Amino acid sequence: MRRPAFFLAAQCAIVLGGLAGQEAVVRVAYPLFGVAGAANILLMAHVRAVFPTSMTGRAVTAVNLFGIGGTALLQWSMGVIVGSFGRDPQGHYPPEAYATAFALTIVGGLLALVFYAPLARQGASQDRGAGIHPIA
């Protein structure tokens, strides 16, 4: 659970640093955001550990389907949010437009953690005896 929380913290640093004009904070947070975002692949291992062997294929397929579909929906939504802000005379969107779009992903990530945390804790307590390690 630490990696998704770190991912959300990096997103918050990007938004708040960008709005405050703290370029140094944003420059440090972006690479951390990328590294922490790669932790989502651990979800596949967790799905395989939680579901019975007879359902593994369907479970992993569902994770892929909703992951790809959710990504497409999220990117579209962020474009709608940014596009809803007016452009300046040079044709640029204001920083608040991007901050609002990133806030959508932060809220979504927080909601996902609230939903997933009890499942991860429950799986961790059941899996320890089986030699399966919970998502960190």
C-alpha atoms as a PDB file:
ATOM      1  CA  MET A   1       0.000   0.000   0.000  1.00  0.00           C
ATOM      2  CA  ARG A   2       2.993   2.282   0.322  1.00  0.00           C
ATOM      3  CA  ARG A   3       3.658   2.534  -3.414  1.00  0.00           C
ATOM      4  CA  PRO A   4       0.181   3.756  -4.419  1.00  0.00           C
ATOM      5  CA  ALA A   5       0.294   6.276  -1.571  1.00  0.00           C
ATOM      6  CA  PHE A   6       3.710   7.450  -2.800  1.00  0.00           C
ATOM      7  CA  PHE A   7       2.240   7.780  -6.303  1.00  0.00           C
ATOM      8  CA  LEU A   8      -0.556   9.988  -4.974  1.00  0.00           C
ATOM      9  CA  ALA A   9       1.902  12.054  -2.936  1.00  0.00           C
ATOM     10  CA  ALA A  10       3.955  12.687  -6.078  1.00  0.00           C
ATOM     11  CA  GLN A  11       0.805  13.793  -7.908  1.00  0.00           C
ATOM     12  CA  CYS A  12      -0.042  16.189  -5.080  1.00  0.00           C
ATOM     13  CA  ALA A  13       3.496  17.597  -5.180  1.00  0.00           C
ATOM     14  CA  ILE A  14       3.185  18.183  -8.931  1.00  0.00           C
ATOM     15  CA  VAL A  15      -0.145  19.979  -8.576  1.00  0.00           C
ATOM     16  CA  LEU A  16       0.754  22.064  -5.538  1.00  0.00           C
ATOM     17  CA  GLY A  17       4.287  22.797  -6.749  1.00  0.00           C
ATOM     18  CA  GLY A  18       2.975  23.841 -10.147  1.00  0.00           C
ATOM     19  CA  LEU A  19       0.319  26.127  -8.708  1.00  0.00           C
ATOM     20  CA  ALA A  20       2.829  27.687  -6.308  1.00  0.00           C
ATOM     21  CA  GLY A  21       5.344  28.224  -9.095  1.00  0.00           C
ATOM     22  CA  GLN A  22       7.855  25.895  -7.409  1.00  0.00           C
ATOM     23  CA  GLU A  23       9.552  24.481 -10.499  1.00  0.00           C
ATOM     24  CA  ALA A  24      12.148  22.613  -8.432  1.00  0.00           C
ATOM     25  CA  VAL A  25       9.424  20.669  -6.605  1.00  0.00           C
ATOM     26  CA  VAL A  26       7.771  19.721  -9.895  1.00  0.00           C
ATOM     27  CA  ARG A  27      11.093  18.640 -11.433  1.00  0.00           C
ATOM     28  CA  VAL A  28      11.749  16.294  -8.512  1.00  0.00           C
ATOM     29  CA  ALA A  29       8.162  15.023  -8.286  1.00  0.00           C
ATOM     30  CA  TYR A  30       7.765  14.035 -11.957  1.00  0.00           C
ATOM     31  CA  PRO A  31      10.426  11.284 -11.987  1.00  0.00           C
ATOM     32  CA  LEU A  32       9.117  10.012  -8.636  1.00  0.00           C
ATOM     33  CA  PHE A  33       5.612  10.001 -10.130  1.00  0.00           C
ATOM     34  CA  GLY A  34       6.848   7.832 -13.008  1.00  0.00           C
ATOM     35  CA  VAL A  35       8.709   5.373 -10.803  1.00  0.00           C
ATOM     36  CA  ALA A  36       5.854   5.045  -8.319  1.00  0.00           C
ATOM     37  CA  GLY A  37       3.314   4.667 -11.126  1.00  0.00           C
ATOM     38  CA  ALA A  38       5.020   1.499 -12.289  1.00  0.00           C
ATOM     39  CA  ALA A  39       3.838  -0.289  -9.132  1.00  0.00           C
ATOM     40  CA  ASN A  40       0.438  -1.013 -10.669  1.00  0.00           C
ATOM     41  CA  ILE A  41       1.811  -4.200 -12.250  1.00  0.00           C
ATOM     42  CA  LEU A  42       1.860  -5.703  -8.760  1.00  0.00           C
ATOM     43  CA  LEU A  43      -1.924  -5.781  -8.981  1.00  0.00           C
ATOM     44  CA  MET A  44      -1.639  -8.679 -11.448  1.00  0.00           C
ATOM     45  CA  ALA A  45       0.263 -10.773  -8.935  1.00  0.00           C
ATOM     46  CA  HIS A  46      -2.256  -9.933  -6.251  1.00  0.00           C
ATOM     47  CA  VAL A  47      -5.187 -10.873  -8.503  1.00  0.00           C
ATOM     48  CA  ARG A  48      -3.563 -14.221  -9.262  1.00  0.00           C
ATOM     49  CA  ALA A  49      -3.075 -14.839  -5.542  1.00  0.00           C
ATOM     50  CA  VAL A  50      -6.605 -13.864  -4.512  1.00  0.00           C
ATOM     51  CA  PHE A  51      -8.706 -15.647  -7.136  1.00  0.00           C
ATOM     52  CA  PRO A  52      -8.946 -19.423  -7.500  1.00  0.00           C
ATOM     53  CA  THR A  53      -6.824 -20.968 -10.237  1.00  0.00           C
ATOM     54  CA  SER A  54      -9.929 -21.747 -12.298  1.00  0.00           C
ATOM     55  CA  MET A  55     -10.764 -18.012 -12.441  1.00  0.00           C
ATOM     56  CA  THR A  56      -7.268 -16.565 -12.874  1.00  0.00           C
ATOM     57  CA  GLY A  57      -7.645 -15.968 -16.617  1.00  0.00           C
ATOM     58  CA  ARG A  58     -10.947 -14.150 -16.227  1.00  0.00           C
ATOM     59  CA  ALA A  59      -9.692 -12.108 -13.299  1.00  0.00           C
ATOM     60  CA  VAL A  60      -6.513 -10.985 -15.064  1.00  0.00           C
ATOM     61  CA  THR A  61      -8.521 -10.207 -18.212  1.00  0.00           C
ATOM     62  CA  ALA A  62     -10.894  -8.057 -16.158  1.00  0.00           C
ATOM     63  CA  VAL A  63      -7.966  -6.157 -14.651  1.00  0.00           C
ATOM     64  CA  ASN A  64      -6.589  -5.521 -18.155  1.00  0.00           C
ATOM     65  CA  LEU A  65      -9.980  -4.529 -19.550  1.00  0.00           C
ATOM     66  CA  PHE A  66     -10.807  -2.099 -16.778  1.00  0.00           C
ATOM     67  CA  GLY A  67      -7.237  -0.805 -16.624  1.00  0.00           C
ATOM     68  CA  ILE A  68      -7.124   0.013 -20.333  1.00  0.00           C
ATOM     69  CA  GLY A  69     -10.739   1.207 -20.465  1.00  0.00           C
ATOM     70  CA  GLY A  70     -10.300   3.277 -17.343  1.00  0.00           C
ATOM     71  CA  THR A  71      -7.148   4.846 -18.731  1.00  0.00           C
ATOM     72  CA  ALA A  72      -8.944   5.824 -21.932  1.00  0.00           C
ATOM     73  CA  LEU A  73     -11.844   7.307 -19.967  1.00  0.00           C
ATOM     74  CA  LEU A  74      -9.494   9.140 -17.615  1.00  0.00           C
ATOM     75  CA  GLN A  75      -7.461  10.674 -20.451  1.00  0.00           C
ATOM     76  CA  TRP A  76     -10.625  11.804 -22.199  1.00  0.00           C
ATOM     77  CA  SER A  77     -11.988  13.284 -18.949  1.00  0.00           C
ATOM     78  CA  MET A  78      -8.761  15.158 -18.304  1.00  0.00           C
ATOM     79  CA  GLY A  79      -8.924  16.606 -21.821  1.00  0.00           C
ATOM     80  CA  VAL A  80     -12.497  17.756 -21.228  1.00  0.00           C
ATOM     81  CA  ILE A  81     -11.485  19.382 -17.937  1.00  0.00           C
ATOM     82  CA  VAL A  82      -8.477  21.173 -19.413  1.00  0.00           C
ATOM     83  CA  GLY A  83     -10.516  22.185 -22.473  1.00  0.00           C
ATOM     84  CA  SER A  84     -13.225  23.687 -20.276  1.00  0.00           C
ATOM     85  CA  PHE A  85     -10.799  26.408 -19.199  1.00  0.00           C
ATOM     86  CA  GLY A  86     -10.305  29.312 -21.539  1.00  0.00           C
ATOM     87  CA  ARG A  87      -7.045  29.786 -23.404  1.00  0.00           C
ATOM     88  CA  ASP A  88      -4.932  32.881 -22.967  1.00  0.00           C
ATOM     89  CA  PRO A  89      -4.107  35.109 -25.965  1.00  0.00           C
ATOM     90  CA  GLN A  90      -1.074  32.921 -26.767  1.00  0.00           C
ATOM     91  CA  GLY A  91      -3.312  29.834 -26.932  1.00  0.00           C
ATOM     92  CA  HIS A  92      -2.167  28.271 -23.648  1.00  0.00           C
ATOM     93  CA  TYR A  93      -4.368  26.827 -20.954  1.00  0.00           C
ATOM     94  CA  PRO A  94      -3.853  28.179 -17.421  1.00  0.00           C
ATOM     95  CA  PRO A  95      -2.017  26.104 -14.797  1.00  0.00           C
ATOM     96  CA  GLU A  96      -5.305  25.777 -12.904  1.00  0.00           C
ATOM     97  CA  ALA A  97      -6.699  23.730 -15.796  1.00  0.00           C
ATOM     98  CA  TYR A  98      -3.976  21.114 -15.439  1.00  0.00           C
ATOM     99  CA  ALA A  99      -4.164  21.221 -11.641  1.00  0.00           C
ATOM    100  CA  THR A 100      -7.885  20.521 -11.809  1.00  0.00           C
ATOM    101  CA  ALA A 101      -7.329  17.622 -14.223  1.00  0.00           C
ATOM    102  CA  PHE A 102      -4.634  16.150 -11.976  1.00  0.00           C
ATOM    103  CA  ALA A 103      -6.951  16.624  -8.991  1.00  0.00           C
ATOM    104  CA  LEU A 104      -9.374  14.256 -10.740  1.00  0.00           C
ATOM    105  CA  THR A 105      -6.700  11.549 -10.777  1.00  0.00           C
ATOM    106  CA  ILE A 106      -5.765  12.236  -7.155  1.00  0.00           C
ATOM    107  CA  VAL A 107      -9.376  11.902  -6.007  1.00  0.00           C
ATOM    108  CA  GLY A 108      -9.784   8.750  -8.093  1.00  0.00           C
ATOM    109  CA  GLY A 109      -6.595   7.303  -6.618  1.00  0.00           C
ATOM    110  CA  LEU A 110      -7.703   8.094  -3.084  1.00  0.00           C
ATOM    111  CA  LEU A 111     -11.077   6.461  -3.694  1.00  0.00           C
ATOM    112  CA  ALA A 112      -9.350   3.393  -5.135  1.00  0.00           C
ATOM    113  CA  LEU A 113      -7.088   3.164  -2.077  1.00  0.00           C
ATOM    114  CA  VAL A 114     -10.064   3.435   0.276  1.00  0.00           C
ATOM    115  CA  PHE A 115     -11.764   0.611  -1.616  1.00  0.00           C
ATOM    116  CA  TYR A 116      -8.649  -1.537  -2.040  1.00  0.00           C
ATOM    117  CA  ALA A 117      -6.982  -1.154   1.379  1.00  0.00           C
ATOM    118  CA  PRO A 118      -9.331  -3.527   3.241  1.00  0.00           C
ATOM    119  CA  LEU A 119      -8.942  -6.115   0.479  1.00  0.00           C
ATOM    120  CA  ALA A 120      -5.161  -5.843   0.589  1.00  0.00           C
ATOM    121  CA  ARG A 121      -5.125  -6.147   4.386  1.00  0.00           C
ATOM    122  CA  GLN A 122      -7.459  -9.137   4.294  1.00  0.00           C
ATOM    123  CA  GLY A 123      -5.396 -10.799   1.565  1.00  0.00           C
ATOM    124  CA  ALA A 124      -2.180 -10.071   3.446  1.00  0.00           C
ATOM    125  CA  SER A 125      -3.422 -11.738   6.601  1.00  0.00           C
ATOM    126  CA  GLN A 126      -4.633 -14.809   4.676  1.00  0.00           C
ATOM    127  CA  ASP A 127      -1.620 -15.071   2.378  1.00  0.00           C
ATOM    128  CA  ARG A 128       1.167 -14.874   4.950  1.00  0.00           C
ATOM    129  CA  GLY A 129       0.850 -18.537   5.790  1.00  0.00           C
ATOM    130  CA  ALA A 130       0.842 -19.506   2.092  1.00  0.00           C
ATOM    131  CA  GLY A 131       4.123 -17.753   1.345  1.00  0.00           C
ATOM    132  CA  ILE A 132       2.415 -15.115  -0.802  1.00  0.00           C
ATOM    133  CA  HIS A 133       3.460 -11.557  -0.048  1.00  0.00           C
ATOM    134  CA  PRO A 134       0.971  -8.680  -0.047  1.00  0.00           C
ATOM    135  CA  ILE A 135       1.382  -5.675  -2.264  1.00  0.00           C
ATOM    136  CA  ALA A 136       3.726  -3.198  -0.595  1.00  0.00           C
END
